Amino acid sequence: MKGLFPEFDPGADKDFQKIWKEALFVFDTNVLLNLYRYQKETRDQLIDVIEKISTRIWIPHHVALEFQRNRLVVIADQHKRFAEVRKTVEKAKSELNGGINLLQLEKRHSLIDPKPLISGFEKLTDKFLRDLEETEKKQQKLNEEDPVKNRLDNLFDGRVGDAPKNQKEIDDLYSEGDKRFAKNTPPGYLDASKDKKGPDEHLHGDILYKRKYGDYVVWNQLLAHANTNDEASVIFVTDDSKEDWWWVVNASGKKTIGPRPELVSEALSKGNISSFLMYKSEDFLRYANKFLEADVSNEALEEVRDVAEYKSSTRDRINNFKKERIAEDLVYRWLHARFPDAVTRNRFPNFIIDHDGMKLGYEVKFTHSIGLFRMLVDKAFKYSEAIVSEYDLESIFFVFMTNDPMLASQMKQEFIVWHHDNGETFRNIRVFIAYFEDDSSEDAVFTLMDL
């Protein structure tokens, strides 16, 4: 089988020195926009590295368009952070003073003098707020000349791909994108529901663009450019961490192996790219130190990593919150169909059924990993007996739900083993393992696993 499946062999020997010397470097929109989220020193170091390879850089037209459209949004968001920090500090000062006043220490305990604490805290916060104001003054203003944009405009002058010729060209891409999304073919299928709550589109140059297809448009433009220009080696730099770009394996936690095998395969077949590498900004800078003799500091690497992790964790929290709501809605609809007039929403458990003189509790737990599932099972059984007693329940049912059928199978096997060892101890507790395969609460349906 040697050489038959290169897309599944991320550990294959590669001449990285040669690839870095010859490759075309392609940058995603998020890499360019993150420049506004870094401190000046980090931002300058990243742009300096890009300048080192300035004869071998290129961006798809869609990257350039999205950078121009979202640049001011990111700048405004950074200014919003200053206001939020200032508000939080002022709130802390107010709460400290208010809390001390409520204690009435002068009347109740004359030996406790809070004045040094209040005075010291005020001096500390005043200095912090002054420093914050000075830092904010250095931030890029919305209506002033933008040195970051100027440097990027000069760097990528003549190194931006062609725009779509007409609406038909982009519509044909969207049609192909729909087929790919239906099969979970990367990239971009995790954005398929972005327009579920309404249109998410904009007009530019008489062409209507739809945001949910952005990743696929970028990928298609990259492959077309590489094929047309005989680019044998391409390095794509992106700060997108979603699993419709990266090959992620669950091995005592999620491990990123490299780009999705489907992308590597398409790079070879459609882009005629013999060596395709993909990096996040941190790894790009780290390897630039090695292969380009760059001088990127450890502090810059840490900041780039922190910004990427913050954005990723924030997005993950939002996505998981949405999926938790979908899971609860699915179970509510299921219960309401079985007990139309007997379902009451509750905090814990989520639902109580009062039917034919029996009270049943249903608690829904969404999980995205086997490790989280184990923890949720342990916590559920730890507190369930008390809940059964508090609400006078006949039984409590836990519905552990995921949106990954393979993970649901793992959960089933894990629970069978767990129940064999512990199940007899808990006679009033029942468990369902379930999964749903659509992220839209309107269209989703869930499947119960046999236990």
Protein backbone atom coordinates (compact mmCIF):
# COMPACT_ATOMS: atom_id res chain seq x y z
CA MET A 1 0.00 0.00 0.00
CA LYS A 2 3.03 2.25 0.12
CA GLY A 3 2.33 5.58 -1.57
CA LEU A 4 -1.31 4.77 -2.35
CA PHE A 5 -2.87 6.97 0.36
CA PRO A 6 -0.55 9.93 1.01
CA GLU A 7 -3.40 11.99 2.49
CA PHE A 8 -3.57 9.56 5.43
CA ASP A 9 0.16 9.68 6.18
CA PRO A 10 0.92 12.95 7.99
CA GLY A 11 4.13 11.41 9.36
CA ALA A 12 5.60 10.74 5.93
CA ASP A 13 9.10 12.05 5.31
CA LYS A 14 9.05 15.54 3.80
CA ASP A 15 11.86 17.86 2.88
CA PHE A 16 10.53 20.79 4.88
CA GLN A 17 13.58 22.92 4.16
CA LYS A 18 12.93 22.57 0.43
CA ILE A 19 9.18 23.15 0.77
CA TRP A 20 9.69 26.33 2.80
CA LYS A 21 12.23 27.53 0.24
CA GLU A 22 9.94 27.01 -2.76
CA ALA A 23 6.33 27.07 -1.52
CA LEU A 24 3.63 29.60 -2.24
CA PHE A 25 2.35 30.95 1.08
CA VAL A 26 -1.41 31.55 1.17
CA PHE A 27 -3.05 33.37 4.10
CA ASP A 28 -6.61 33.10 5.37
CA THR A 29 -8.73 36.12 6.32
CA ASN A 30 -8.56 35.39 10.05
CA VAL A 31 -4.74 35.59 10.01
CA LEU A 32 -4.87 39.11 8.60
CA LEU A 33 -7.69 40.27 10.88
CA ASN A 34 -5.95 38.91 13.98
CA LEU A 35 -3.19 41.44 13.37
CA TYR A 36 -5.53 44.00 14.95
CA ARG A 37 -5.89 41.82 18.06
CA TYR A 38 -2.16 41.65 18.78
CA GLN A 39 0.06 44.12 20.57
CA LYS A 40 2.20 46.19 18.22
CA GLU A 41 5.37 44.17 18.84
CA THR A 42 3.69 40.87 17.94
CA ARG A 43 1.91 42.40 14.95
CA ASP A 44 5.16 43.80 13.57
CA GLN A 45 6.97 40.49 13.98
CA LEU A 46 4.30 38.62 12.03
CA ILE A 47 4.29 41.17 9.21
CA ASP A 48 8.11 41.12 9.16
CA VAL A 49 8.02 37.37 8.57
CA ILE A 50 5.53 37.80 5.73
CA GLU A 51 7.85 40.42 4.21
CA LYS A 52 10.69 37.87 4.24
CA ILE A 53 8.70 35.74 1.78
CA SER A 54 7.05 38.64 -0.04
CA THR A 55 7.86 37.21 -3.50
CA ARG A 56 6.03 33.98 -2.64
CA ILE A 57 2.82 35.17 -1.00
CA TRP A 58 -0.71 35.24 -2.35
CA ILE A 59 -4.30 35.50 -1.10
CA PRO A 60 -7.56 34.45 -2.75
CA HIS A 61 -9.82 37.28 -3.83
CA HIS A 62 -12.38 36.23 -1.23
CA VAL A 63 -9.79 36.61 1.56
CA ALA A 64 -9.00 40.15 0.41
CA LEU A 65 -12.70 41.00 0.19
CA GLU A 66 -13.52 39.64 3.63
CA PHE A 67 -10.53 41.44 5.15
CA GLN A 68 -11.73 44.77 3.76
CA ARG A 69 -15.31 44.13 4.87
CA ASN A 70 -14.46 43.07 8.45
CA ARG A 71 -11.40 45.19 9.27
CA LEU A 72 -13.37 48.03 10.89
CA VAL A 73 -15.59 45.56 12.76
CA VAL A 74 -12.53 44.03 14.44
CA ILE A 75 -11.07 47.46 15.24
CA ALA A 76 -14.37 48.54 16.79
CA ASP A 77 -14.55 45.32 18.78
CA GLN A 78 -11.10 46.00 20.24
CA HIS A 79 -12.25 49.45 21.42
CA LYS A 80 -15.35 47.84 22.92
CA ARG A 81 -13.07 45.66 25.07
CA PHE A 82 -11.56 48.76 26.69
CA ALA A 83 -15.01 50.00 27.65
CA GLU A 84 -15.92 46.59 29.08
CA VAL A 85 -12.73 46.43 31.18
CA ARG A 86 -13.29 49.95 32.47
CA LYS A 87 -16.86 49.11 33.42
CA THR A 88 -15.75 45.94 35.24
CA VAL A 89 -13.11 47.80 37.26
CA GLU A 90 -15.54 50.55 38.25
CA LYS A 91 -18.08 47.93 39.28
CA ALA A 92 -15.47 46.19 41.46
CA LYS A 93 -14.66 49.49 43.20
CA SER A 94 -18.32 50.19 43.82
CA GLU A 95 -19.03 46.68 45.14
CA LEU A 96 -16.04 46.82 47.52
CA ASN A 97 -17.12 50.17 48.96
CA GLY A 98 -20.73 49.07 49.18
CA GLY A 99 -19.85 45.77 50.84
CA ILE A 100 -17.62 47.45 53.43
CA ASN A 101 -20.33 50.03 54.20
CA LEU A 102 -22.93 47.31 54.74
CA LEU A 103 -20.72 45.73 57.40
CA GLN A 104 -20.87 48.97 59.44
CA LEU A 105 -17.51 48.16 60.97
CA GLU A 106 -17.24 51.47 62.81
CA LYS A 107 -20.28 50.49 64.89
CA ARG A 108 -19.83 46.72 65.08
CA HIS A 109 -16.07 46.17 65.31
CA SER A 110 -13.93 49.20 65.97
CA LEU A 111 -10.68 47.16 65.74
CA ILE A 112 -11.16 46.46 62.01
CA ASP A 113 -10.12 49.45 59.90
CA PRO A 114 -11.01 49.01 56.20
CA LYS A 115 -9.54 52.37 55.12
CA PRO A 116 -6.08 51.00 54.08
CA LEU A 117 -7.79 48.37 51.89
CA ILE A 118 -10.13 50.88 50.26
CA SER A 119 -7.37 53.44 49.76
CA GLY A 120 -4.92 50.89 48.38
CA PHE A 121 -7.51 49.41 46.04
CA GLU A 122 -8.46 52.85 44.73
CA LYS A 123 -4.81 53.73 44.06
CA LEU A 124 -4.32 50.41 42.26
CA THR A 125 -7.44 50.75 40.11
CA ASP A 126 -6.78 54.42 39.33
CA LYS A 127 -3.31 53.57 38.05
CA PHE A 128 -4.70 50.65 36.05
CA LEU A 129 -7.34 52.86 34.45
CA ARG A 130 -4.76 55.54 33.58
CA ASP A 131 -2.54 52.90 31.94
CA LEU A 132 -5.60 51.50 30.17
CA GLU A 133 -6.39 54.95 28.77
CA GLU A 134 -2.82 55.35 27.48
CA THR A 135 -2.98 51.93 25.84
CA GLU A 136 -6.31 52.75 24.21
CA LYS A 137 -4.83 55.93 22.71
CA LYS A 138 -2.38 53.73 20.80
CA GLN A 139 -5.17 51.60 19.35
CA GLN A 140 -6.06 51.96 15.70
CA LYS A 141 -8.93 54.45 15.30
CA LEU A 142 -11.82 53.78 12.97
CA ASN A 143 -11.51 57.06 11.05
CA GLU A 144 -7.72 57.42 10.94
CA GLU A 145 -5.08 56.18 8.54
CA ASP A 146 -4.44 52.49 9.12
CA PRO A 147 -0.74 51.52 9.04
CA VAL A 148 -1.56 47.80 9.23
CA LYS A 149 -3.82 48.00 6.20
CA ASN A 150 -1.20 50.11 4.37
CA ARG A 151 1.51 47.50 4.95
CA LEU A 152 -0.75 44.68 3.84
CA ASP A 153 -1.92 46.62 0.77
CA ASN A 154 1.72 47.07 -0.28
CA LEU A 155 2.70 43.48 0.53
CA PHE A 156 -0.14 41.92 -1.44
CA ASP A 157 -0.14 44.41 -4.32
CA GLY A 158 -0.49 42.24 -7.42
CA ARG A 159 -0.74 39.12 -5.25
CA VAL A 160 -4.52 38.83 -4.94
CA GLY A 161 -6.53 36.30 -6.93
CA ASP A 162 -9.13 37.20 -9.53
CA ALA A 163 -12.69 38.00 -8.53
CA PRO A 164 -15.52 35.76 -9.78
CA LYS A 165 -16.37 36.73 -13.36
CA ASN A 166 -20.12 36.86 -12.80
CA GLN A 167 -22.97 35.73 -10.57
CA LYS A 168 -23.27 32.39 -12.37
CA GLU A 169 -19.71 31.46 -11.47
CA ILE A 170 -20.29 32.07 -7.78
CA ASP A 171 -23.75 30.45 -7.84
CA ASP A 172 -22.25 27.31 -9.40
CA LEU A 173 -19.77 27.22 -6.50
CA TYR A 174 -22.64 27.55 -4.03
CA SER A 175 -24.49 24.65 -5.66
CA GLU A 176 -21.40 22.50 -5.42
CA GLY A 177 -20.95 23.68 -1.84
CA ASP A 178 -24.46 22.47 -0.93
CA LYS A 179 -23.64 19.00 -2.26
CA ARG A 180 -20.40 18.91 -0.31
CA PHE A 181 -22.01 20.17 2.91
CA ALA A 182 -24.66 17.44 2.67
CA LYS A 183 -21.83 14.87 2.69
CA ASN A 184 -19.74 16.69 5.34
CA THR A 185 -17.01 17.22 2.77
CA PRO A 186 -14.50 19.82 4.01
CA PRO A 187 -14.01 22.69 4.21
CA GLY A 188 -16.93 24.81 5.34
CA TYR A 189 -19.67 22.32 6.13
CA LEU A 190 -19.71 23.40 9.78
CA ASP A 191 -20.85 26.84 8.54
CA ALA A 192 -23.80 25.37 6.64
CA SER A 193 -26.37 26.66 9.14
CA LYS A 194 -25.13 30.26 9.29
CA ASP A 195 -28.14 31.52 7.38
CA LYS A 196 -30.79 29.47 9.20
CA LYS A 197 -32.18 32.47 11.07
CA GLY A 198 -32.21 34.75 8.05
CA PRO A 199 -30.18 35.91 5.04
CA ASP A 200 -26.47 36.33 5.67
CA GLU A 201 -25.31 37.85 2.41
CA HIS A 202 -23.83 40.98 0.91
CA LEU A 203 -23.38 42.55 -2.51
CA HIS A 204 -20.00 43.49 -3.98
CA GLY A 205 -19.29 44.34 -7.59
CA ASP A 206 -22.80 43.28 -8.64
CA ILE A 207 -22.19 39.81 -7.19
CA LEU A 208 -24.19 38.49 -4.25
CA TYR A 209 -21.98 36.66 -1.76
CA LYS A 210 -23.28 34.28 0.92
CA ARG A 211 -21.24 34.05 4.08
CA LYS A 212 -21.77 30.36 4.83
CA TYR A 213 -19.87 29.38 1.65
CA GLY A 214 -16.84 31.56 2.47
CA ASP A 215 -14.44 28.76 3.42
CA TYR A 216 -15.33 26.72 0.34
CA VAL A 217 -14.91 29.74 -1.95
CA VAL A 218 -11.45 30.43 -0.46
CA TRP A 219 -10.46 26.78 -0.87
CA ASN A 220 -11.73 26.62 -4.45
CA GLN A 221 -9.89 29.81 -5.41
CA LEU A 222 -6.69 28.48 -3.82
CA LEU A 223 -6.86 25.21 -5.80
CA ALA A 224 -7.67 26.99 -9.07
CA HIS A 225 -4.73 29.38 -8.66
CA ALA A 226 -2.30 26.60 -7.76
CA ASN A 227 -3.35 24.52 -10.77
CA THR A 228 -3.21 27.41 -13.23
CA ASN A 229 0.20 28.58 -12.00
CA ASP A 230 1.80 25.14 -11.52
CA GLU A 231 2.43 25.66 -7.80
CA ALA A 232 3.98 22.37 -6.69
CA SER A 233 4.16 23.33 -3.00
CA VAL A 234 1.61 25.38 -1.05
CA ILE A 235 1.58 26.37 2.61
CA PHE A 236 -1.81 27.58 3.80
CA VAL A 237 -1.86 29.61 7.04
CA THR A 238 -5.20 29.81 8.86
CA ASP A 239 -6.36 30.46 12.40
CA ASP A 240 -9.60 28.59 11.80
CA SER A 241 -9.58 25.70 14.27
CA LYS A 242 -12.81 23.97 13.23
CA GLU A 243 -12.81 20.29 12.37
CA ASP A 244 -13.91 20.96 8.80
CA TRP A 245 -10.31 22.09 8.21
CA TRP A 246 -8.30 19.95 10.62
CA TRP A 247 -7.94 16.21 11.10
CA VAL A 248 -8.77 15.74 14.78
CA VAL A 249 -8.60 12.39 16.57
CA ASN A 250 -9.96 11.59 20.03
CA ALA A 251 -7.10 10.04 21.99
CA SER A 252 -7.49 10.90 25.69
CA GLY A 253 -8.61 14.30 24.46
CA LYS A 254 -8.66 15.85 21.02
CA LYS A 255 -5.40 15.71 19.06
CA THR A 256 -4.89 17.68 15.86
CA ILE A 257 -2.98 15.55 13.35
CA GLY A 258 -2.87 17.96 10.40
CA PRO A 259 -5.15 19.12 7.57
CA ARG A 260 -8.15 16.96 6.77
CA PRO A 261 -7.11 14.05 4.51
CA GLU A 262 -9.82 15.10 2.03
CA LEU A 263 -8.10 18.49 1.66
CA VAL A 264 -4.70 16.92 1.05
CA SER A 265 -6.25 14.62 -1.55
CA GLU A 266 -8.00 17.51 -3.32
CA ALA A 267 -4.84 19.60 -3.23
CA LEU A 268 -3.16 16.86 -5.24
CA SER A 269 -6.02 16.00 -7.60
CA LYS A 270 -7.60 19.42 -8.26
CA GLY A 271 -4.76 21.78 -7.44
CA ASN A 272 -1.94 19.59 -8.78
CA ILE A 273 -0.11 20.42 -5.52
CA SER A 274 2.43 17.75 -4.63
CA SER A 275 3.26 19.19 -1.17
CA PHE A 276 0.44 20.78 0.80
CA LEU A 277 1.06 22.00 4.35
CA MET A 278 -1.30 23.85 6.66
CA TYR A 279 -0.33 25.83 9.75
CA LYS A 280 -1.96 28.01 12.35
CA SER A 281 -0.21 31.35 12.85
CA GLU A 282 1.70 30.17 15.92
CA ASP A 283 3.21 27.18 14.10
CA PHE A 284 3.88 29.29 11.01
CA LEU A 285 5.91 31.72 13.12
CA ARG A 286 7.65 28.95 15.06
CA TYR A 287 8.80 27.24 11.85
CA ALA A 288 9.71 30.61 10.34
CA ASN A 289 12.34 30.90 13.07
CA LYS A 290 13.76 27.59 11.88
CA PHE A 291 13.43 27.75 8.10
CA LEU A 292 13.50 31.50 7.42
CA GLU A 293 15.92 32.51 10.19
CA ALA A 294 13.24 34.84 11.50
CA ASP A 295 13.48 36.42 14.93
CA VAL A 296 10.05 35.85 16.46
CA SER A 297 10.08 36.16 20.24
CA ASN A 298 8.56 33.67 22.66
CA GLU A 299 6.29 36.46 23.91
CA ALA A 300 4.92 36.95 20.39
CA LEU A 301 4.35 33.21 19.97
CA GLU A 302 2.48 33.10 23.27
CA GLU A 303 0.27 36.04 22.34
CA VAL A 304 -0.58 34.57 18.94
CA ARG A 305 -1.48 31.28 20.63
CA ASP A 306 -3.55 33.02 23.33
CA VAL A 307 -5.57 35.01 20.78
CA ALA A 308 -6.28 31.88 18.72
CA GLU A 309 -7.25 29.85 21.79
CA TYR A 310 -9.51 32.60 23.12
CA LYS A 311 -11.38 32.86 19.83
CA SER A 312 -11.62 29.08 19.55
CA SER A 313 -12.82 28.56 23.13
CA THR A 314 -15.37 31.38 22.82
CA ARG A 315 -16.74 29.89 19.62
CA ASP A 316 -16.81 26.41 21.16
CA ARG A 317 -18.72 27.67 24.21
CA ILE A 318 -21.28 29.37 21.98
CA ASN A 319 -21.64 26.31 19.75
CA ASN A 320 -21.98 23.93 22.68
CA PHE A 321 -24.55 26.21 24.32
CA LYS A 322 -26.58 26.15 21.08
CA LYS A 323 -26.34 22.36 20.92
CA GLU A 324 -27.43 22.06 24.55
CA ARG A 325 -30.52 24.11 23.70
CA ILE A 326 -31.20 21.95 20.64
CA ALA A 327 -30.89 18.78 22.72
CA GLU A 328 -33.32 20.12 25.32
CA ASP A 329 -35.80 21.23 22.64
CA LEU A 330 -35.66 17.81 20.99
CA VAL A 331 -36.39 16.01 24.26
CA TYR A 332 -39.16 18.48 25.12
CA ARG A 333 -40.88 17.86 21.77
CA TRP A 334 -40.49 14.11 22.26
CA LEU A 335 -41.98 14.23 25.75
CA HIS A 336 -44.76 16.60 24.72
CA ALA A 337 -45.80 14.19 21.97
CA ARG A 338 -46.06 11.38 24.53
CA PHE A 339 -47.54 13.40 27.42
CA PRO A 340 -49.23 16.44 25.79
CA ASP A 341 -50.54 18.06 28.98
CA ALA A 342 -48.15 16.71 31.58
CA VAL A 343 -44.74 18.26 30.83
CA THR A 344 -43.41 20.98 33.13
CA ARG A 345 -40.08 22.73 32.54
CA ASN A 346 -37.80 22.79 35.55
CA ARG A 347 -34.23 23.75 36.45
CA PHE A 348 -33.01 20.32 37.53
CA PRO A 349 -34.25 18.02 36.23
CA ASN A 350 -35.10 19.90 33.02
CA PHE A 351 -38.59 18.40 32.76
CA ILE A 352 -41.06 16.83 35.18
CA ILE A 353 -43.86 14.59 33.94
CA ASP A 354 -46.93 14.36 36.20
CA HIS A 355 -49.08 11.65 34.59
CA ASP A 356 -51.54 9.07 35.96
CA GLY A 357 -50.43 9.66 39.52
CA MET A 358 -46.73 9.22 38.68
CA LYS A 359 -44.01 11.86 38.62
CA LEU A 360 -41.01 11.32 36.35
CA GLY A 361 -37.99 13.57 35.92
CA TYR A 362 -36.00 14.03 32.70
CA GLU A 363 -32.59 15.68 32.63
CA VAL A 364 -30.82 16.36 29.29
CA LYS A 365 -27.02 16.45 29.08
CA PHE A 366 -25.25 17.36 25.83
CA THR A 367 -21.68 16.07 25.49
CA HIS A 368 -18.99 16.49 22.84
CA SER A 369 -16.36 14.06 24.18
CA ILE A 370 -16.12 10.70 25.92
CA GLY A 371 -14.24 12.29 28.81
CA LEU A 372 -17.04 14.79 29.42
CA PHE A 373 -19.59 11.95 29.19
CA ARG A 374 -17.81 10.01 31.95
CA MET A 375 -17.78 13.07 34.18
CA LEU A 376 -21.46 13.81 33.52
CA VAL A 377 -22.46 10.22 34.35
CA ASP A 378 -20.59 10.32 37.65
CA LYS A 379 -22.10 13.68 38.61
CA ALA A 380 -25.60 12.63 37.54
CA PHE A 381 -25.66 9.54 39.71
CA LYS A 382 -24.01 11.36 42.60
CA TYR A 383 -26.89 13.82 43.06
CA SER A 384 -29.84 11.91 41.62
CA GLU A 385 -31.07 10.15 44.74
CA ALA A 386 -31.47 13.52 46.48
CA ILE A 387 -33.39 14.92 43.51
CA VAL A 388 -35.69 11.89 43.38
CA SER A 389 -36.47 12.40 47.06
CA GLU A 390 -36.86 16.20 46.82
CA TYR A 391 -39.42 16.07 43.99
CA ASP A 392 -41.00 12.77 45.09
CA LEU A 393 -40.18 11.20 41.71
CA GLU A 394 -40.93 7.65 40.71
CA SER A 395 -37.80 7.70 38.54
CA ILE A 396 -35.39 10.14 36.97
CA PHE A 397 -34.27 9.68 33.35
CA PHE A 398 -30.99 11.07 32.04
CA VAL A 399 -30.76 11.68 28.30
CA PHE A 400 -27.09 11.94 27.35
CA MET A 401 -27.05 13.39 23.85
CA THR A 402 -24.39 14.23 21.28
CA ASN A 403 -24.38 15.27 17.63
CA ASP A 404 -21.81 12.61 16.70
CA PRO A 405 -23.16 9.08 16.01
CA MET A 406 -19.73 7.49 16.52
CA LEU A 407 -19.34 9.20 19.89
CA ALA A 408 -22.84 7.98 20.82
CA SER A 409 -21.70 4.40 20.13
CA GLN A 410 -18.68 4.93 22.38
CA MET A 411 -20.93 6.36 25.09
CA LYS A 412 -23.19 3.32 24.84
CA GLN A 413 -20.30 0.91 25.33
CA GLU A 414 -18.90 2.97 28.20
CA PHE A 415 -22.24 3.06 29.96
CA ILE A 416 -22.86 -0.68 29.56
CA VAL A 417 -19.58 -1.35 31.38
CA TRP A 418 -20.32 1.32 33.99
CA HIS A 419 -23.82 0.01 34.61
CA HIS A 420 -22.55 -3.56 34.99
CA ASP A 421 -20.31 -2.36 37.83
CA ASN A 422 -22.62 0.19 39.47
CA GLY A 423 -26.15 -0.08 38.15
CA GLU A 424 -27.72 -2.17 40.90
CA THR A 425 -26.97 0.59 43.39
CA PHE A 426 -29.32 3.05 41.63
CA ARG A 427 -32.78 1.58 41.16
CA ASN A 428 -34.71 4.81 40.48
CA ILE A 429 -32.43 6.11 37.74
CA ARG A 430 -32.65 5.36 34.02
CA VAL A 431 -30.37 6.41 31.16
CA PHE A 432 -30.88 7.10 27.44
CA ILE A 433 -28.01 7.58 24.99
CA ALA A 434 -29.04 9.63 21.95
CA TYR A 435 -27.63 11.61 19.06
CA PHE A 436 -28.85 14.15 16.52
CA GLU A 437 -27.31 14.92 13.15
CA ASP A 438 -28.57 18.38 12.26
CA ASP A 439 -27.53 21.56 14.09
CA SER A 440 -30.81 23.32 13.34
CA SER A 441 -33.33 22.97 16.15
CA GLU A 442 -36.12 23.26 13.56
CA ASP A 443 -34.91 20.33 11.44
CA ALA A 444 -33.06 18.16 13.93
CA VAL A 445 -34.30 14.75 14.96
CA PHE A 446 -32.65 12.48 17.47
CA THR A 447 -32.03 8.75 17.61
CA LEU A 448 -32.13 6.69 20.79
CA MET A 449 -29.49 3.99 21.17
CA ASP A 450 -30.56 0.55 22.40
CA LEU A 451 -29.13 -0.16 25.86
